[in-house]
Amino acid sequence: MAKKKGDLVTAILECTESKDLGLAPSRYYTKKNKKKHPDKLEFKKYNPKLKKYTVHREIK
């Protein structure tokens, strides 16, 4: 039986440190399953403007 793709949504991850410094935030786009992960995502990703790994949280 085929899976339905209605559970997948595009999540936008935004840097928290650059936002606090007043710089333009770096953003990453990923997909997530709403049923398995109903809470907001949080990953450590590379920010090229700050040249280090920072915490990126889901917005919206």
PDB file of N, CA and C in Angstrom:
ATOM      1  N   MET A   1       0.833  -1.172   0.000  1.00  0.00           N
ATOM      2  CA  MET A   1       0.000   0.000   0.000  1.00  0.00           C
ATOM      3  C   MET A   1       0.887   1.247   0.000  1.00  0.00           C
ATOM      4  N   ALA A   2       0.520   2.223  -0.768  1.00  0.00           N
ATOM      5  CA  ALA A   2       1.335   3.436  -0.913  1.00  0.00           C
ATOM      6  C   ALA A   2       1.155   4.358   0.287  1.00  0.00           C
ATOM      7  N   LYS A   3       2.230   5.066   0.604  1.00  0.00           N
ATOM      8  CA  LYS A   3       2.163   6.051   1.686  1.00  0.00           C
ATOM      9  C   LYS A   3       1.495   7.323   1.183  1.00  0.00           C
ATOM     10  N   LYS A   4       0.795   7.994   2.054  1.00  0.00           N
ATOM     11  CA  LYS A   4       0.286   9.303   1.674  1.00  0.00           C
ATOM     12  C   LYS A   4       1.289  10.352   2.126  1.00  0.00           C
ATOM     13  N   LYS A   5       1.421  11.404   1.356  1.00  0.00           N
ATOM     14  CA  LYS A   5       2.435  12.413   1.642  1.00  0.00           C
ATOM     15  C   LYS A   5       1.853  13.634   2.323  1.00  0.00           C
ATOM     16  N   GLY A   6       0.639  13.539   2.840  1.00  0.00           N
ATOM     17  CA  GLY A   6       0.000  14.668   3.498  1.00  0.00           C
ATOM     18  C   GLY A   6       0.618  15.002   4.846  1.00  0.00           C
ATOM     19  N   ASP A   7       1.373  14.071   5.434  1.00  0.00           N
ATOM     20  CA  ASP A   7       1.968  14.308   6.745  1.00  0.00           C
ATOM     21  C   ASP A   7       3.272  15.085   6.671  1.00  0.00           C
ATOM     22  N   LEU A   8       3.883  15.156   5.486  1.00  0.00           N
ATOM     23  CA  LEU A   8       5.158  15.864   5.334  1.00  0.00           C
ATOM     24  C   LEU A   8       4.927  17.349   5.091  1.00  0.00           C
ATOM     25  N   VAL A   9       5.664  18.167   5.819  1.00  0.00           N
ATOM     26  CA  VAL A   9       5.613  19.620   5.632  1.00  0.00           C
ATOM     27  C   VAL A   9       7.042  20.143   5.521  1.00  0.00           C
ATOM     28  N   THR A  10       7.204  21.275   4.865  1.00  0.00           N
ATOM     29  CA  THR A  10       8.511  21.909   4.761  1.00  0.00           C
ATOM     30  C   THR A  10       8.728  22.780   5.992  1.00  0.00           C
ATOM     31  N   ALA A  11       9.822  22.544   6.691  1.00  0.00           N
ATOM     32  CA  ALA A  11      10.156  23.307   7.886  1.00  0.00           C
ATOM     33  C   ALA A  11      11.331  24.226   7.565  1.00  0.00           C
ATOM     34  N   ILE A  12      11.259  25.462   8.051  1.00  0.00           N
ATOM     35  CA  ILE A  12      12.335  26.437   7.857  1.00  0.00           C
ATOM     36  C   ILE A  12      13.086  26.565   9.173  1.00  0.00           C
ATOM     37  N   LEU A  13      14.393  26.317   9.132  1.00  0.00           N
ATOM     38  CA  LEU A  13      15.243  26.442  10.311  1.00  0.00           C
ATOM     39  C   LEU A  13      16.017  27.748  10.220  1.00  0.00           C
ATOM     40  N   GLU A  14      15.980  28.543  11.294  1.00  0.00           N
ATOM     41  CA  GLU A  14      16.628  29.857  11.301  1.00  0.00           C
ATOM     42  C   GLU A  14      17.621  29.931  12.455  1.00  0.00           C
ATOM     43  N   CYS A  15      18.767  30.554  12.209  1.00  0.00           N
ATOM     44  CA  CYS A  15      19.815  30.693  13.216  1.00  0.00           C
ATOM     45  C   CYS A  15      19.351  31.601  14.350  1.00  0.00           C
ATOM     46  N   THR A  16      19.613  31.196  15.582  1.00  0.00           N
ATOM     47  CA  THR A  16      19.203  31.996  16.734  1.00  0.00           C
ATOM     48  C   THR A  16      20.270  33.018  17.137  1.00  0.00           C
ATOM     49  N   GLU A  17      21.540  32.688  16.953  1.00  0.00           N
ATOM     50  CA  GLU A  17      22.614  33.592  17.379  1.00  0.00           C
ATOM     51  C   GLU A  17      22.711  34.830  16.499  1.00  0.00           C
ATOM     52  N   SER A  18      22.605  34.671  15.196  1.00  0.00           N
ATOM     53  CA  SER A  18      22.697  35.833  14.311  1.00  0.00           C
ATOM     54  C   SER A  18      21.482  36.732  14.482  1.00  0.00           C
ATOM     55  N   LYS A  19      20.354  36.145  14.827  1.00  0.00           N
ATOM     56  CA  LYS A  19      19.136  36.925  15.087  1.00  0.00           C
ATOM     57  C   LYS A  19      19.344  37.820  16.314  1.00  0.00           C
ATOM     58  N   ASP A  20      20.006  37.282  17.351  1.00  0.00           N
ATOM     59  CA  ASP A  20      20.279  38.063  18.561  1.00  0.00           C
ATOM     60  C   ASP A  20      21.286  39.178  18.300  1.00  0.00           C
ATOM     61  N   LEU A  21      22.222  38.943  17.371  1.00  0.00           N
ATOM     62  CA  LEU A  21      23.236  39.956  17.054  1.00  0.00           C
ATOM     63  C   LEU A  21      22.727  41.021  16.082  1.00  0.00           C
ATOM     64  N   GLY A  22      21.553  40.810  15.510  1.00  0.00           N
ATOM     65  CA  GLY A  22      20.994  41.784  14.577  1.00  0.00           C
ATOM     66  C   GLY A  22      21.456  41.585  13.143  1.00  0.00           C
ATOM     67  N   LEU A  23      22.095  40.455  12.853  1.00  0.00           N
ATOM     68  CA  LEU A  23      22.539  40.144  11.491  1.00  0.00           C
ATOM     69  C   LEU A  23      21.433  39.407  10.744  1.00  0.00           C
ATOM     70  N   ALA A  24      21.573  39.322   9.441  1.00  0.00           N
ATOM     71  CA  ALA A  24      20.627  38.544   8.647  1.00  0.00           C
ATOM     72  C   ALA A  24      20.811  37.066   8.994  1.00  0.00           C
ATOM     73  N   PRO A  25      19.748  36.370   9.350  1.00  0.00           N
ATOM     74  CA  PRO A  25      19.900  34.975   9.790  1.00  0.00           C
ATOM     75  C   PRO A  25      20.128  34.022   8.622  1.00  0.00           C
ATOM     76  N   SER A  26      20.882  32.966   8.899  1.00  0.00           N
ATOM     77  CA  SER A  26      21.028  31.913   7.894  1.00  0.00           C
ATOM     78  C   SER A  26      19.841  30.972   8.045  1.00  0.00           C
ATOM     79  N   ARG A  27      19.364  30.447   6.926  1.00  0.00           N
ATOM     80  CA  ARG A  27      18.191  29.581   6.947  1.00  0.00           C
ATOM     81  C   ARG A  27      18.459  28.292   6.202  1.00  0.00           C
ATOM     82  N   TYR A  28      17.884  27.222   6.703  1.00  0.00           N
ATOM     83  CA  TYR A  28      17.926  25.915   6.070  1.00  0.00           C
ATOM     84  C   TYR A  28      16.489  25.428   5.909  1.00  0.00           C
ATOM     85  N   TYR A  29      16.225  24.694   4.832  1.00  0.00           N
ATOM     86  CA  TYR A  29      14.913  24.128   4.577  1.00  0.00           C
ATOM     87  C   TYR A  29      15.014  22.614   4.658  1.00  0.00           C
ATOM     88  N   THR A  30      14.058  21.995   5.334  1.00  0.00           N
ATOM     89  CA  THR A  30      14.020  20.548   5.463  1.00  0.00           C
ATOM     90  C   THR A  30      12.567  20.100   5.518  1.00  0.00           C
ATOM     91  N   LYS A  31      12.352  18.809   5.391  1.00  0.00           N
ATOM     92  CA  LYS A  31      10.999  18.261   5.503  1.00  0.00           C
ATOM     93  C   LYS A  31      10.887  17.507   6.817  1.00  0.00           C
ATOM     94  N   LYS A  32       9.677  17.548   7.401  1.00  0.00           N
ATOM     95  CA  LYS A  32       9.458  16.794   8.621  1.00  0.00           C
ATOM     96  C   LYS A  32       8.077  16.174   8.583  1.00  0.00           C
ATOM     97  N   ASN A  33       7.920  15.106   9.335  1.00  0.00           N
ATOM     98  CA  ASN A  33       6.656  14.411   9.457  1.00  0.00           C
ATOM     99  C   ASN A  33       5.929  14.981  10.670  1.00  0.00           C
ATOM    100  N   LYS A  34       4.772  15.603  10.450  1.00  0.00           N
ATOM    101  CA  LYS A  34       4.024  16.249  11.528  1.00  0.00           C
ATOM    102  C   LYS A  34       3.541  15.260  12.583  1.00  0.00           C
ATOM    103  N   LYS A  35       3.207  14.048  12.165  1.00  0.00           N
ATOM    104  CA  LYS A  35       2.683  13.077  13.125  1.00  0.00           C
ATOM    105  C   LYS A  35       3.770  12.532  14.047  1.00  0.00           C
ATOM    106  N   LYS A  36       4.975  12.313  13.508  1.00  0.00           N
ATOM    107  CA  LYS A  36       6.064  11.773  14.324  1.00  0.00           C
ATOM    108  C   LYS A  36       6.746  12.845  15.168  1.00  0.00           C
ATOM    109  N   HIS A  37       6.822  14.092  14.661  1.00  0.00           N
ATOM    110  CA  HIS A  37       7.515  15.177  15.346  1.00  0.00           C
ATOM    111  C   HIS A  37       6.612  16.414  15.394  1.00  0.00           C
ATOM    112  N   PRO A  38       5.638  16.439  16.300  1.00  0.00           N
ATOM    113  CA  PRO A  38       4.724  17.584  16.342  1.00  0.00           C
ATOM    114  C   PRO A  38       5.359  18.860  16.907  1.00  0.00           C
ATOM    115  N   ASP A  39       6.426  18.725  17.704  1.00  0.00           N
ATOM    116  CA  ASP A  39       7.081  19.897  18.278  1.00  0.00           C
ATOM    117  C   ASP A  39       8.044  20.518  17.264  1.00  0.00           C
ATOM    118  N   LYS A  40       8.577  21.691  17.609  1.00  0.00           N
ATOM    119  CA  LYS A  40       9.478  22.402  16.695  1.00  0.00           C
ATOM    120  C   LYS A  40      10.857  21.747  16.671  1.00  0.00           C
ATOM    121  N   LEU A  41      11.462  21.728  15.488  1.00  0.00           N
ATOM    122  CA  LEU A  41      12.782  21.129  15.308  1.00  0.00           C
ATOM    123  C   LEU A  41      13.872  22.071  15.792  1.00  0.00           C
ATOM    124  N   GLU A  42      14.989  21.485  16.213  1.00  0.00           N
ATOM    125  CA  GLU A  42      16.151  22.277  16.635  1.00  0.00           C
ATOM    126  C   GLU A  42      17.395  21.458  16.311  1.00  0.00           C
ATOM    127  N   PHE A  43      18.269  22.019  15.475  1.00  0.00           N
ATOM    128  CA  PHE A  43      19.504  21.356  15.061  1.00  0.00           C
ATOM    129  C   PHE A  43      20.678  22.308  15.194  1.00  0.00           C
ATOM    130  N   LYS A  44      21.883  21.731  15.307  1.00  0.00           N
ATOM    131  CA  LYS A  44      23.105  22.523  15.209  1.00  0.00           C
ATOM    132  C   LYS A  44      23.553  22.457  13.755  1.00  0.00           C
ATOM    133  N   LYS A  45      23.566  23.606  13.089  1.00  0.00           N
ATOM    134  CA  LYS A  45      23.936  23.695  11.679  1.00  0.00           C
ATOM    135  C   LYS A  45      25.016  24.764  11.540  1.00  0.00           C
ATOM    136  N   TYR A  46      25.695  24.736  10.394  1.00  0.00           N
ATOM    137  CA  TYR A  46      26.767  25.693  10.136  1.00  0.00           C
ATOM    138  C   TYR A  46      26.188  27.018   9.649  1.00  0.00           C
ATOM    139  N   ASN A  47      26.654  28.111  10.251  1.00  0.00           N
ATOM    140  CA  ASN A  47      26.283  29.453   9.817  1.00  0.00           C
ATOM    141  C   ASN A  47      27.490  30.054   9.099  1.00  0.00           C
ATOM    142  N   PRO A  48      27.418  30.243   7.776  1.00  0.00           N
ATOM    143  CA  PRO A  48      28.579  30.751   7.038  1.00  0.00           C
ATOM    144  C   PRO A  48      28.928  32.203   7.360  1.00  0.00           C
ATOM    145  N   LYS A  49      27.976  32.985   7.816  1.00  0.00           N
ATOM    146  CA  LYS A  49      28.262  34.387   8.144  1.00  0.00           C
ATOM    147  C   LYS A  49      29.053  34.503   9.440  1.00  0.00           C
ATOM    148  N   LEU A  50      28.734  33.652  10.428  1.00  0.00           N
ATOM    149  CA  LEU A  50      29.473  33.650  11.689  1.00  0.00           C
ATOM    150  C   LEU A  50      30.654  32.691  11.666  1.00  0.00           C
ATOM    151  N   LYS A  51      30.713  31.828  10.644  1.00  0.00           N
ATOM    152  CA  LYS A  51      31.785  30.848  10.457  1.00  0.00           C
ATOM    153  C   LYS A  51      31.917  29.895  11.647  1.00  0.00           C
ATOM    154  N   LYS A  52      30.762  29.423  12.141  1.00  0.00           N
ATOM    155  CA  LYS A  52      30.762  28.427  13.209  1.00  0.00           C
ATOM    156  C   LYS A  52      29.412  27.721  13.234  1.00  0.00           C
ATOM    157  N   TYR A  53      29.342  26.635  13.995  1.00  0.00           N
ATOM    158  CA  TYR A  53      28.099  25.889  14.148  1.00  0.00           C
ATOM    159  C   TYR A  53      27.246  26.560  15.214  1.00  0.00           C
ATOM    160  N   THR A  54      25.975  26.786  14.895  1.00  0.00           N
ATOM    161  CA  THR A  54      25.051  27.448  15.816  1.00  0.00           C
ATOM    162  C   THR A  54      23.745  26.666  15.859  1.00  0.00           C
ATOM    163  N   VAL A  55      22.904  27.008  16.824  1.00  0.00           N
ATOM    164  CA  VAL A  55      21.597  26.374  16.966  1.00  0.00           C
ATOM    165  C   VAL A  55      20.623  27.012  15.985  1.00  0.00           C
ATOM    166  N   HIS A  56      19.952  26.181  15.204  1.00  0.00           N
ATOM    167  CA  HIS A  56      18.923  26.625  14.283  1.00  0.00           C
ATOM    168  C   HIS A  56      17.592  26.030  14.737  1.00  0.00           C
ATOM    169  N   ARG A  57      16.566  26.888  14.881  1.00  0.00           N
ATOM    170  CA  ARG A  57      15.250  26.444  15.316  1.00  0.00           C
ATOM    171  C   ARG A  57      14.231  26.651  14.220  1.00  0.00           C
ATOM    172  N   GLU A  58      13.197  25.841  14.273  1.00  0.00           N
ATOM    173  CA  GLU A  58      12.125  25.943  13.289  1.00  0.00           C
ATOM    174  C   GLU A  58      11.309  27.210  13.544  1.00  0.00           C
ATOM    175  N   ILE A  59      10.973  27.901  12.465  1.00  0.00           N
ATOM    176  CA  ILE A  59      10.115  29.089  12.575  1.00  0.00           C
ATOM    177  C   ILE A  59       8.756  28.760  11.982  1.00  0.00           C
ATOM    178  N   LYS A  60       7.779  29.577  12.228  1.00  0.00           N
ATOM    179  CA  LYS A  60       6.372  29.427  11.815  1.00  0.00           C
ATOM    180  C   LYS A  60       5.578  28.645  12.796  1.00  0.00           C
TER     181      LYS A  60
END
